[in-house]
PDB file of N, CA and C in Angstrom:
ATOM      1  N   MET A   1     114.104 -75.152 -72.857  1.00  0.00           N
ATOM      2  CA  MET A   1     114.854 -74.170 -73.626  1.00  0.00           C
ATOM      3  C   MET A   1     113.878 -73.142 -74.198  1.00  0.00           C
ATOM      4  N   ILE A   2     114.279 -71.905 -74.143  1.00  0.00           N
ATOM      5  CA  ILE A   2     113.456 -70.807 -74.643  1.00  0.00           C
ATOM      6  C   ILE A   2     113.452 -70.859 -76.174  1.00  0.00           C
ATOM      7  N   SER A   3     112.268 -70.667 -76.745  1.00  0.00           N
ATOM      8  CA  SER A   3     112.141 -70.673 -78.204  1.00  0.00           C
ATOM      9  C   SER A   3     112.825 -69.444 -78.799  1.00  0.00           C
ATOM     10  N   GLU A   4     113.140 -69.532 -80.076  1.00  0.00           N
ATOM     11  CA  GLU A   4     113.755 -68.399 -80.762  1.00  0.00           C
ATOM     12  C   GLU A   4     112.817 -67.189 -80.760  1.00  0.00           C
ATOM     13  N   THR A   5     111.513 -67.441 -80.853  1.00  0.00           N
ATOM     14  CA  THR A   5     110.528 -66.357 -80.801  1.00  0.00           C
ATOM     15  C   THR A   5     110.587 -65.638 -79.466  1.00  0.00           C
ATOM     16  N   THR A   6     110.662 -66.409 -78.379  1.00  0.00           N
ATOM     17  CA  THR A   6     110.738 -65.804 -77.040  1.00  0.00           C
ATOM     18  C   THR A   6     112.060 -65.090 -76.852  1.00  0.00           C
ATOM     19  N   ARG A   7     113.131 -65.666 -77.364  1.00  0.00           N
ATOM     20  CA  ARG A   7     114.452 -65.016 -77.285  1.00  0.00           C
ATOM     21  C   ARG A   7     114.408 -63.663 -78.009  1.00  0.00           C
ATOM     22  N   SER A   8     113.799 -63.625 -79.184  1.00  0.00           N
ATOM     23  CA  SER A   8     113.669 -62.366 -79.930  1.00  0.00           C
ATOM     24  C   SER A   8     112.798 -61.372 -79.170  1.00  0.00           C
ATOM     25  N   PHE A   9     111.749 -61.887 -78.521  1.00  0.00           N
ATOM     26  CA  PHE A   9     110.875 -61.044 -77.712  1.00  0.00           C
ATOM     27  C   PHE A   9     111.666 -60.411 -76.570  1.00  0.00           C
ATOM     28  N   ILE A  10     112.487 -61.180 -75.893  1.00  0.00           N
ATOM     29  CA  ILE A  10     113.312 -60.653 -74.794  1.00  0.00           C
ATOM     30  C   ILE A  10     114.247 -59.577 -75.324  1.00  0.00           C
ATOM     31  N   ASP A  11     114.896 -59.837 -76.455  1.00  0.00           N
ATOM     32  CA  ASP A  11     115.789 -58.835 -77.037  1.00  0.00           C
ATOM     33  C   ASP A  11     115.034 -57.555 -77.386  1.00  0.00           C
ATOM     34  N   SER A  12     113.810 -57.699 -77.914  1.00  0.00           N
ATOM     35  CA  SER A  12     113.031 -56.504 -78.245  1.00  0.00           C
ATOM     36  C   SER A  12     112.627 -55.740 -76.987  1.00  0.00           C
ATOM     37  N   LEU A  13     112.363 -56.473 -75.895  1.00  0.00           N
ATOM     38  CA  LEU A  13     112.062 -55.811 -74.626  1.00  0.00           C
ATOM     39  C   LEU A  13     113.261 -55.009 -74.132  1.00  0.00           C
ATOM     40  N   VAL A  14     114.446 -55.608 -74.200  1.00  0.00           N
ATOM     41  CA  VAL A  14     115.655 -54.891 -73.782  1.00  0.00           C
ATOM     42  C   VAL A  14     115.819 -53.638 -74.630  1.00  0.00           C
ATOM     43  N   ASP A  15     115.640 -53.782 -75.941  1.00  0.00           N
ATOM     44  CA  ASP A  15     115.770 -52.612 -76.826  1.00  0.00           C
ATOM     45  C   ASP A  15     114.766 -51.518 -76.457  1.00  0.00           C
ATOM     46  N   TYR A  16     113.526 -51.914 -76.226  1.00  0.00           N
ATOM     47  CA  TYR A  16     112.494 -50.934 -75.882  1.00  0.00           C
ATOM     48  C   TYR A  16     112.811 -50.242 -74.556  1.00  0.00           C
ATOM     49  N   TYR A  17     113.058 -51.020 -73.519  1.00  0.00           N
ATOM     50  CA  TYR A  17     113.260 -50.415 -72.203  1.00  0.00           C
ATOM     51  C   TYR A  17     114.534 -49.586 -72.131  1.00  0.00           C
ATOM     52  N   THR A  18     115.571 -49.968 -72.862  1.00  0.00           N
ATOM     53  CA  THR A  18     116.770 -49.128 -72.861  1.00  0.00           C
ATOM     54  C   THR A  18     116.515 -47.829 -73.618  1.00  0.00           C
ATOM     55  N   SER A  19     115.650 -47.875 -74.626  1.00  0.00           N
ATOM     56  CA  SER A  19     115.330 -46.642 -75.349  1.00  0.00           C
ATOM     57  C   SER A  19     114.511 -45.680 -74.490  1.00  0.00           C
ATOM     58  N   GLU A  20     113.871 -46.199 -73.470  1.00  0.00           N
ATOM     59  CA  GLU A  20     113.059 -45.390 -72.560  1.00  0.00           C
ATOM     60  C   GLU A  20     113.749 -45.154 -71.211  1.00  0.00           C
ATOM     61  N   ALA A  21     115.049 -45.362 -71.156  1.00  0.00           N
ATOM     62  CA  ALA A  21     115.789 -45.280 -69.896  1.00  0.00           C
ATOM     63  C   ALA A  21     115.610 -43.947 -69.180  1.00  0.00           C
ATOM     64  N   ALA A  22     115.504 -42.877 -69.924  1.00  0.00           N
ATOM     65  CA  ALA A  22     115.360 -41.560 -69.290  1.00  0.00           C
ATOM     66  C   ALA A  22     114.109 -41.495 -68.425  1.00  0.00           C
ATOM     67  N   SER A  23     113.019 -42.083 -68.895  1.00  0.00           N
ATOM     68  CA  SER A  23     111.791 -42.030 -68.094  1.00  0.00           C
ATOM     69  C   SER A  23     111.920 -42.867 -66.820  1.00  0.00           C
ATOM     70  N   TYR A  24     112.639 -43.984 -66.888  1.00  0.00           N
ATOM     71  CA  TYR A  24     112.829 -44.812 -65.693  1.00  0.00           C
ATOM     72  C   TYR A  24     113.801 -44.148 -64.718  1.00  0.00           C
ATOM     73  N   LYS A  25     114.778 -43.452 -65.265  1.00  0.00           N
ATOM     74  CA  LYS A  25     115.708 -42.717 -64.403  1.00  0.00           C
ATOM     75  C   LYS A  25     114.972 -41.574 -63.709  1.00  0.00           C
ATOM     76  N   GLN A  26     114.088 -40.910 -64.448  1.00  0.00           N
ATOM     77  CA  GLN A  26     113.291 -39.828 -63.859  1.00  0.00           C
ATOM     78  C   GLN A  26     112.391 -40.385 -62.753  1.00  0.00           C
ATOM     79  N   MET A  27     111.793 -41.542 -62.996  1.00  0.00           N
ATOM     80  CA  MET A  27     110.949 -42.175 -61.980  1.00  0.00           C
ATOM     81  C   MET A  27     111.769 -42.475 -60.725  1.00  0.00           C
ATOM     82  N   ALA A  28     112.962 -43.016 -60.912  1.00  0.00           N
ATOM     83  CA  ALA A  28     113.816 -43.331 -59.770  1.00  0.00           C
ATOM     84  C   ALA A  28     114.219 -42.065 -59.017  1.00  0.00           C
ATOM     85  N   LYS A  29     114.490 -40.988 -59.752  1.00  0.00           N
ATOM     86  CA  LYS A  29     114.877 -39.731 -59.096  1.00  0.00           C
ATOM     87  C   LYS A  29     113.748 -39.167 -58.240  1.00  0.00           C
ATOM     88  N   ALA A  30     112.512 -39.507 -58.570  1.00  0.00           N
ATOM     89  CA  ALA A  30     111.377 -39.057 -57.761  1.00  0.00           C
ATOM     90  C   ALA A  30     111.467 -39.616 -56.344  1.00  0.00           C
ATOM     91  N   TYR A  31     112.179 -40.722 -56.202  1.00  0.00           N
ATOM     92  CA  TYR A  31     112.360 -41.353 -54.892  1.00  0.00           C
ATOM     93  C   TYR A  31     113.782 -41.165 -54.379  1.00  0.00           C
ATOM     94  N   SER A  32     114.485 -40.179 -54.892  1.00  0.00           N
ATOM     95  CA  SER A  32     115.897 -40.013 -54.564  1.00  0.00           C
ATOM     96  C   SER A  32     116.160 -39.813 -53.075  1.00  0.00           C
ATOM     97  N   ASP A  33     115.175 -39.327 -52.335  1.00  0.00           N
ATOM     98  CA  ASP A  33     115.370 -39.190 -50.890  1.00  0.00           C
ATOM     99  C   ASP A  33     115.543 -40.551 -50.228  1.00  0.00           C
ATOM    100  N   GLU A  34     115.009 -41.583 -50.869  1.00  0.00           N
ATOM    101  CA  GLU A  34     115.052 -42.934 -50.318  1.00  0.00           C
ATOM    102  C   GLU A  34     116.178 -43.774 -50.913  1.00  0.00           C
ATOM    103  N   LEU A  35     116.855 -43.257 -51.932  1.00  0.00           N
ATOM    104  CA  LEU A  35     117.828 -44.041 -52.685  1.00  0.00           C
ATOM    105  C   LEU A  35     119.233 -43.501 -52.527  1.00  0.00           C
ATOM    106  N   VAL A  36     120.182 -44.406 -52.592  1.00  0.00           N
ATOM    107  CA  VAL A  36     121.581 -44.000 -52.635  1.00  0.00           C
ATOM    108  C   VAL A  36     121.934 -43.581 -54.059  1.00  0.00           C
ATOM    109  N   GLU A  37     121.518 -44.375 -55.035  1.00  0.00           N
ATOM    110  CA  GLU A  37     121.857 -44.109 -56.424  1.00  0.00           C
ATOM    111  C   GLU A  37     120.650 -44.339 -57.334  1.00  0.00           C
ATOM    112  N   PRO A  38     119.991 -43.268 -57.798  1.00  0.00           N
ATOM    113  CA  PRO A  38     118.823 -43.427 -58.660  1.00  0.00           C
ATOM    114  C   PRO A  38     119.080 -44.253 -59.924  1.00  0.00           C
ATOM    115  N   SER A  39     120.290 -44.191 -60.476  1.00  0.00           N
ATOM    116  CA  SER A  39     120.555 -44.974 -61.690  1.00  0.00           C
ATOM    117  C   SER A  39     120.489 -46.470 -61.408  1.00  0.00           C
ATOM    118  N   ASP A  40     120.882 -46.898 -60.213  1.00  0.00           N
ATOM    119  CA  ASP A  40     120.759 -48.316 -59.847  1.00  0.00           C
ATOM    120  C   ASP A  40     119.290 -48.713 -59.726  1.00  0.00           C
ATOM    121  N   ALA A  41     118.486 -47.815 -59.187  1.00  0.00           N
ATOM    122  CA  ALA A  41     117.048 -48.090 -59.084  1.00  0.00           C
ATOM    123  C   ALA A  41     116.424 -48.160 -60.472  1.00  0.00           C
ATOM    124  N   ALA A  42     116.808 -47.266 -61.363  1.00  0.00           N
ATOM    125  CA  ALA A  42     116.287 -47.290 -62.729  1.00  0.00           C
ATOM    126  C   ALA A  42     116.683 -48.586 -63.431  1.00  0.00           C
ATOM    127  N   PHE A  43     117.904 -49.030 -63.217  1.00  0.00           N
ATOM    128  CA  PHE A  43     118.365 -50.310 -63.774  1.00  0.00           C
ATOM    129  C   PHE A  43     117.465 -51.440 -63.275  1.00  0.00           C
ATOM    130  N   GLY A  44     117.175 -51.440 -61.991  1.00  0.00           N
ATOM    131  CA  GLY A  44     116.304 -52.467 -61.409  1.00  0.00           C
ATOM    132  C   GLY A  44     114.888 -52.417 -61.959  1.00  0.00           C
ATOM    133  N   ILE A  45     114.372 -51.213 -62.156  1.00  0.00           N
ATOM    134  CA  ILE A  45     113.028 -51.059 -62.729  1.00  0.00           C
ATOM    135  C   ILE A  45     112.999 -51.654 -64.134  1.00  0.00           C
ATOM    136  N   ILE A  46     114.015 -51.374 -64.924  1.00  0.00           N
ATOM    137  CA  ILE A  46     114.078 -51.896 -66.291  1.00  0.00           C
ATOM    138  C   ILE A  46     114.157 -53.417 -66.286  1.00  0.00           C
ATOM    139  N   ILE A  47     115.039 -53.986 -65.474  1.00  0.00           N
ATOM    140  CA  ILE A  47     115.164 -55.448 -65.411  1.00  0.00           C
ATOM    141  C   ILE A  47     113.845 -56.062 -64.945  1.00  0.00           C
ATOM    142  N   GLY A  48     113.226 -55.452 -63.945  1.00  0.00           N
ATOM    143  CA  GLY A  48     111.942 -55.952 -63.448  1.00  0.00           C
ATOM    144  C   GLY A  48     110.852 -55.883 -64.501  1.00  0.00           C
ATOM    145  N   SER A  49     110.839 -54.829 -65.289  1.00  0.00           N
ATOM    146  CA  SER A  49     109.844 -54.684 -66.350  1.00  0.00           C
ATOM    147  C   SER A  49     110.036 -55.739 -67.437  1.00  0.00           C
ATOM    148  N   ILE A  50     111.282 -55.985 -67.795  1.00  0.00           N
ATOM    149  CA  ILE A  50     111.580 -57.020 -68.791  1.00  0.00           C
ATOM    150  C   ILE A  50     111.148 -58.387 -68.265  1.00  0.00           C
ATOM    151  N   TYR A  51     111.481 -58.667 -67.012  1.00  0.00           N
ATOM    152  CA  TYR A  51     111.105 -59.954 -66.401  1.00  0.00           C
ATOM    153  C   TYR A  51     109.586 -60.098 -66.347  1.00  0.00           C
ATOM    154  N   SER A  52     108.894 -59.046 -65.972  1.00  0.00           N
ATOM    155  CA  SER A  52     107.441 -59.085 -65.881  1.00  0.00           C
ATOM    156  C   SER A  52     106.819 -59.395 -67.248  1.00  0.00           C
ATOM    157  N   ALA A  53     107.319 -58.763 -68.298  1.00  0.00           N
ATOM    158  CA  ALA A  53     106.800 -59.020 -69.643  1.00  0.00           C
ATOM    159  C   ALA A  53     107.118 -60.453 -70.081  1.00  0.00           C
ATOM    160  N   PHE A  54     108.276 -60.952 -69.714  1.00  0.00           N
ATOM    161  CA  PHE A  54     108.660 -62.341 -70.018  1.00  0.00           C
ATOM    162  C   PHE A  54     107.680 -63.309 -69.353  1.00  0.00           C
ATOM    163  N   ILE A  55     107.407 -63.108 -68.082  1.00  0.00           N
ATOM    164  CA  ILE A  55     106.470 -63.973 -67.349  1.00  0.00           C
ATOM    165  C   ILE A  55     105.064 -63.839 -67.931  1.00  0.00           C
ATOM    166  N   GLN A  56     104.667 -62.621 -68.263  1.00  0.00           N
ATOM    167  CA  GLN A  56     103.343 -62.394 -68.835  1.00  0.00           C
ATOM    168  C   GLN A  56     103.179 -63.108 -70.173  1.00  0.00           C
ATOM    169  N   SER A  57     104.257 -63.185 -70.954  1.00  0.00           N
ATOM    170  CA  SER A  57     104.161 -63.874 -72.245  1.00  0.00           C
ATOM    171  C   SER A  57     103.842 -65.354 -72.054  1.00  0.00           C
ATOM    172  N   TYR A  58     104.380 -65.959 -71.000  1.00  0.00           N
ATOM    173  CA  TYR A  58     104.042 -67.348 -70.692  1.00  0.00           C
ATOM    174  C   TYR A  58     102.601 -67.449 -70.202  1.00  0.00           C
ATOM    175  N   SER A  59     102.223 -66.531 -69.342  1.00  0.00           N
ATOM    176  CA  SER A  59     100.873 -66.533 -68.793  1.00  0.00           C
ATOM    177  C   SER A  59      99.829 -66.395 -69.900  1.00  0.00           C
ATOM    178  N   ASN A  60     100.120 -65.570 -70.884  1.00  0.00           N
ATOM    179  CA  ASN A  60      99.200 -65.386 -72.010  1.00  0.00           C
ATOM    180  C   ASN A  60      98.977 -66.683 -72.782  1.00  0.00           C
ATOM    181  N   GLN A  61      99.948 -67.579 -72.685  1.00  0.00           N
ATOM    182  CA  GLN A  61      99.848 -68.878 -73.361  1.00  0.00           C
ATOM    183  C   GLN A  61      99.397 -69.976 -72.390  1.00  0.00           C
ATOM    184  N   HIS A  62      98.975 -69.558 -71.195  1.00  0.00           N
ATOM    185  CA  HIS A  62      98.539 -70.492 -70.148  1.00  0.00           C
ATOM    186  C   HIS A  62      99.644 -71.487 -69.795  1.00  0.00           C
ATOM    187  N   GLN A  63     100.862 -70.967 -69.683  1.00  0.00           N
ATOM    188  CA  GLN A  63     102.031 -71.771 -69.335  1.00  0.00           C
ATOM    189  C   GLN A  63     102.791 -71.096 -68.200  1.00  0.00           C
ATOM    190  N   LYS A  64     103.668 -71.864 -67.593  1.00  0.00           N
ATOM    191  CA  LYS A  64     104.607 -71.328 -66.605  1.00  0.00           C
ATOM    192  C   LYS A  64     106.005 -71.617 -67.111  1.00  0.00           C
ATOM    193  N   PRO A  65     106.903 -70.650 -67.003  1.00  0.00           N
ATOM    194  CA  PRO A  65     108.275 -70.932 -67.438  1.00  0.00           C
ATOM    195  C   PRO A  65     108.922 -71.942 -66.491  1.00  0.00           C
ATOM    196  N   SER A  66     109.718 -72.810 -67.050  1.00  0.00           N
ATOM    197  CA  SER A  66     110.455 -73.777 -66.232  1.00  0.00           C
ATOM    198  C   SER A  66     111.641 -73.068 -65.579  1.00  0.00           C
ATOM    199  N   LEU A  67     112.241 -73.722 -64.624  1.00  0.00           N
ATOM    200  CA  LEU A  67     113.445 -73.184 -63.984  1.00  0.00           C
ATOM    201  C   LEU A  67     114.524 -72.941 -65.036  1.00  0.00           C
ATOM    202  N   GLU A  68     114.631 -73.851 -65.981  1.00  0.00           N
ATOM    203  CA  GLU A  68     115.623 -73.699 -67.051  1.00  0.00           C
ATOM    204  C   GLU A  68     115.324 -72.472 -67.911  1.00  0.00           C
ATOM    205  N   ASP A  69     114.029 -72.221 -68.181  1.00  0.00           N
ATOM    206  CA  ASP A  69     113.650 -71.043 -68.958  1.00  0.00           C
ATOM    207  C   ASP A  69     114.037 -69.766 -68.218  1.00  0.00           C
ATOM    208  N   ILE A  70     113.794 -69.737 -66.938  1.00  0.00           N
ATOM    209  CA  ILE A  70     114.134 -68.552 -66.136  1.00  0.00           C
ATOM    210  C   ILE A  70     115.646 -68.367 -66.085  1.00  0.00           C
ATOM    211  N   GLN A  71     116.370 -69.454 -65.962  1.00  0.00           N
ATOM    212  CA  GLN A  71     117.837 -69.356 -65.956  1.00  0.00           C
ATOM    213  C   GLN A  71     118.353 -68.856 -67.301  1.00  0.00           C
ATOM    214  N   GLU A  72     117.747 -69.338 -68.384  1.00  0.00           N
ATOM    215  CA  GLU A  72     118.149 -68.882 -69.709  1.00  0.00           C
ATOM    216  C   GLU A  72     117.791 -67.409 -69.897  1.00  0.00           C
ATOM    217  N   PHE A  73     116.615 -67.009 -69.439  1.00  0.00           N
ATOM    218  CA  PHE A  73     116.219 -65.599 -69.479  1.00  0.00           C
ATOM    219  C   PHE A  73     117.272 -64.750 -68.767  1.00  0.00           C
ATOM    220  N   THR A  74     117.660 -65.195 -67.590  1.00  0.00           N
ATOM    221  CA  THR A  74     118.648 -64.463 -66.795  1.00  0.00           C
ATOM    222  C   THR A  74     119.952 -64.303 -67.561  1.00  0.00           C
ATOM    223  N   GLN A  75     120.392 -65.353 -68.236  1.00  0.00           N
ATOM    224  CA  GLN A  75     121.640 -65.278 -68.999  1.00  0.00           C
ATOM    225  C   GLN A  75     121.515 -64.319 -70.183  1.00  0.00           C
ATOM    226  N   ILE A  76     120.371 -64.346 -70.852  1.00  0.00           N
ATOM    227  CA  ILE A  76     120.148 -63.442 -71.988  1.00  0.00           C
ATOM    228  C   ILE A  76     120.232 -61.988 -71.522  1.00  0.00           C
ATOM    229  N   VAL A  77     119.533 -61.685 -70.448  1.00  0.00           N
ATOM    230  CA  VAL A  77     119.505 -60.309 -69.951  1.00  0.00           C
ATOM    231  C   VAL A  77     120.867 -59.931 -69.375  1.00  0.00           C
ATOM    232  N   LYS A  78     121.506 -60.862 -68.700  1.00  0.00           N
ATOM    233  CA  LYS A  78     122.816 -60.583 -68.107  1.00  0.00           C
ATOM    234  C   LYS A  78     123.842 -60.205 -69.178  1.00  0.00           C
ATOM    235  N   LYS A  79     123.745 -60.841 -70.350  1.00  0.00           N
ATOM    236  CA  LYS A  79     124.661 -60.511 -71.443  1.00  0.00           C
ATOM    237  C   LYS A  79     124.470 -59.082 -71.921  1.00  0.00           C
ATOM    238  N   ARG A  80     123.281 -58.530 -71.694  1.00  0.00           N
ATOM    239  CA  ARG A  80     122.991 -57.165 -72.142  1.00  0.00           C
ATOM    240  C   ARG A  80     122.931 -56.173 -70.987  1.00  0.00           C
ATOM    241  N   ALA A  81     123.301 -56.623 -69.789  1.00  0.00           N
ATOM    242  CA  ALA A  81     123.224 -55.769 -68.598  1.00  0.00           C
ATOM    243  C   ALA A  81     124.073 -54.509 -68.731  1.00  0.00           C
ATOM    244  N   ALA A  82     125.256 -54.627 -69.303  1.00  0.00           N
ATOM    245  CA  ALA A  82     126.117 -53.448 -69.462  1.00  0.00           C
ATOM    246  C   ALA A  82     125.451 -52.423 -70.380  1.00  0.00           C
ATOM    247  N   GLN A  83     124.792 -52.895 -71.433  1.00  0.00           N
ATOM    248  CA  GLN A  83     124.074 -51.997 -72.342  1.00  0.00           C
ATOM    249  C   GLN A  83     122.933 -51.296 -71.606  1.00  0.00           C
ATOM    250  N   ILE A  84     122.212 -52.055 -70.782  1.00  0.00           N
ATOM    251  CA  ILE A  84     121.108 -51.474 -70.016  1.00  0.00           C
ATOM    252  C   ILE A  84     121.645 -50.414 -69.061  1.00  0.00           C
ATOM    253  N   LYS A  85     122.689 -50.740 -68.341  1.00  0.00           N
ATOM    254  CA  LYS A  85     123.284 -49.808 -67.381  1.00  0.00           C
ATOM    255  C   LYS A  85     123.780 -48.544 -68.085  1.00  0.00           C
ATOM    256  N   ARG A  86     124.438 -48.719 -69.239  1.00  0.00           N
ATOM    257  CA  ARG A  86     124.927 -47.570 -70.002  1.00  0.00           C
ATOM    258  C   ARG A  86     123.768 -46.667 -70.432  1.00  0.00           C
ATOM    259  N   SER A  87     122.660 -47.292 -70.851  1.00  0.00           N
ATOM    260  CA  SER A  87     121.514 -46.478 -71.291  1.00  0.00           C
ATOM    261  C   SER A  87     120.956 -45.641 -70.147  1.00  0.00           C
ATOM    262  N   VAL A  88     120.986 -46.196 -68.936  1.00  0.00           N
ATOM    263  CA  VAL A  88     120.518 -45.457 -67.769  1.00  0.00           C
ATOM    264  C   VAL A  88     121.489 -44.326 -67.434  1.00  0.00           C
ATOM    265  N   LEU A  89     122.767 -44.627 -67.432  1.00  0.00           N
ATOM    266  CA  LEU A  89     123.754 -43.602 -67.088  1.00  0.00           C
ATOM    267  C   LEU A  89     123.788 -42.471 -68.116  1.00  0.00           C
ATOM    268  N   ASP A  90     123.558 -42.804 -69.381  1.00  0.00           N
ATOM    269  CA  ASP A  90     123.587 -41.810 -70.449  1.00  0.00           C
ATOM    270  C   ASP A  90     122.279 -41.039 -70.596  1.00  0.00           C
ATOM    271  N   ALA A  91     121.221 -41.516 -69.937  1.00  0.00           N
ATOM    272  CA  ALA A  91     119.899 -40.911 -70.089  1.00  0.00           C
ATOM    273  C   ALA A  91     119.876 -39.495 -69.547  1.00  0.00           C
ATOM    274  N   LYS A  92     119.278 -38.628 -70.311  1.00  0.00           N
ATOM    275  CA  LYS A  92     119.120 -37.230 -69.889  1.00  0.00           C
ATOM    276  C   LYS A  92     117.765 -37.099 -69.206  1.00  0.00           C
ATOM    277  N   THR A  93     117.773 -36.586 -67.990  1.00  0.00           N
ATOM    278  CA  THR A  93     116.509 -36.362 -67.268  1.00  0.00           C
ATOM    279  C   THR A  93     116.423 -34.935 -66.794  1.00  0.00           C
TER     280      THR A  93
END
């Protein structure tokens, strides 16, 4: 089970990356010739960045997240997926 500290860290990551959605949308638009929908790519970049920071937090402690930790991480982020998507769609670039 993910600790309350890690859960708060994940929430802070979501808050940070959604506040920076415009920059991720702009990054995705740079590849718009290769993409059907840049906002979907920006959403993926944000989720990937959050996941990377989550994994790095374990690595910094010389640990590996368990399958249960990863599943719990997924549920935490999934509950906020609509907020993340909205931040990307609303982002001005």
